[in-house]
Amino acid sequence: MVDPTSDLGEEVDESNAPRCAVCDRPIVRDPTHRVVTWIDDGRIEVAHFCGPECREAWSGLPG
């Protein structure tokens, strides 16, 4: 997966874009894209969301 936050965002297309953790939509050049990161058992975990509605609907953070 290409880093969608890099200055090279034009290289991100549907085939290598992150997918929303709620609706599974590929996130390409989306200004409402949200990201949540956390540490789980010493590993960095990341969840991407296509917008605030999906972010609010997500309940996947451990704890």
Protein backbone atom coordinates (compact mmCIF):
# COMPACT_ATOMS: atom_id res chain seq x y z
CA MET A 1 0.00 0.00 0.00
CA VAL A 2 1.22 3.47 -0.85
CA ASP A 3 1.24 6.01 1.99
CA PRO A 4 -1.88 8.12 1.21
CA THR A 5 -0.61 10.98 3.38
CA SER A 6 2.53 11.55 1.33
CA ASP A 7 3.02 14.42 -1.11
CA LEU A 8 2.87 11.80 -3.84
CA GLY A 9 -0.84 11.20 -3.46
CA GLU A 10 -1.28 11.08 -7.21
CA GLU A 11 0.27 7.59 -7.10
CA VAL A 12 -2.61 6.26 -4.99
CA ASP A 13 -5.35 4.58 -6.98
CA GLU A 14 -8.09 2.12 -6.04
CA SER A 15 -5.78 -0.89 -6.40
CA ASN A 16 -3.34 0.27 -3.70
CA ALA A 17 -5.44 2.70 -1.64
CA PRO A 18 -6.34 2.03 1.98
CA ARG A 19 -9.91 0.83 2.50
CA CYS A 20 -12.43 2.19 4.97
CA ALA A 21 -12.57 0.01 8.11
CA VAL A 22 -16.39 0.32 8.15
CA CYS A 23 -17.71 0.32 4.57
CA ASP A 24 -14.60 -1.10 2.81
CA ARG A 25 -14.62 1.69 0.18
CA PRO A 26 -11.17 2.48 -1.27
CA ILE A 27 -10.00 5.90 -0.09
CA VAL A 28 -8.51 7.87 -2.99
CA ARG A 29 -7.92 11.64 -2.82
CA ASP A 30 -10.63 12.05 -0.20
CA PRO A 31 -10.40 15.23 1.90
CA THR A 32 -12.63 13.74 4.62
CA HIS A 33 -10.32 10.71 5.09
CA ARG A 34 -9.71 9.95 8.80
CA VAL A 35 -7.05 7.72 10.34
CA VAL A 36 -6.88 6.20 13.83
CA THR A 37 -3.65 4.66 15.10
CA TRP A 38 -3.01 2.71 18.28
CA ILE A 39 -0.49 0.33 19.83
CA ASP A 40 -1.63 -3.26 20.33
CA ASP A 41 0.75 -5.76 21.91
CA GLY A 42 3.76 -3.68 20.84
CA ARG A 43 2.59 -3.28 17.22
CA ILE A 44 1.30 -0.16 15.52
CA GLU A 45 -2.22 -0.66 14.21
CA VAL A 46 -3.99 1.67 11.77
CA ALA A 47 -7.64 2.03 10.72
CA HIS A 48 -8.67 4.26 7.81
CA PHE A 49 -12.13 5.81 7.39
CA CYS A 50 -13.67 7.47 4.33
CA GLY A 51 -15.29 10.17 6.45
CA PRO A 52 -16.51 11.24 9.86
CA GLU A 53 -19.69 9.14 9.66
CA CYS A 54 -17.75 5.90 9.24
CA ARG A 55 -15.26 6.97 11.91
CA GLU A 56 -18.09 7.53 14.38
CA ALA A 57 -19.70 4.18 13.46
CA TRP A 58 -16.49 2.21 14.07
CA SER A 59 -16.10 0.27 17.30
CA GLY A 60 -12.97 -1.71 16.49
CA LEU A 61 -10.47 -0.11 18.86
CA PRO A 62 -9.43 -2.71 21.42
CA GLY A 63 -10.02 -1.96 25.04
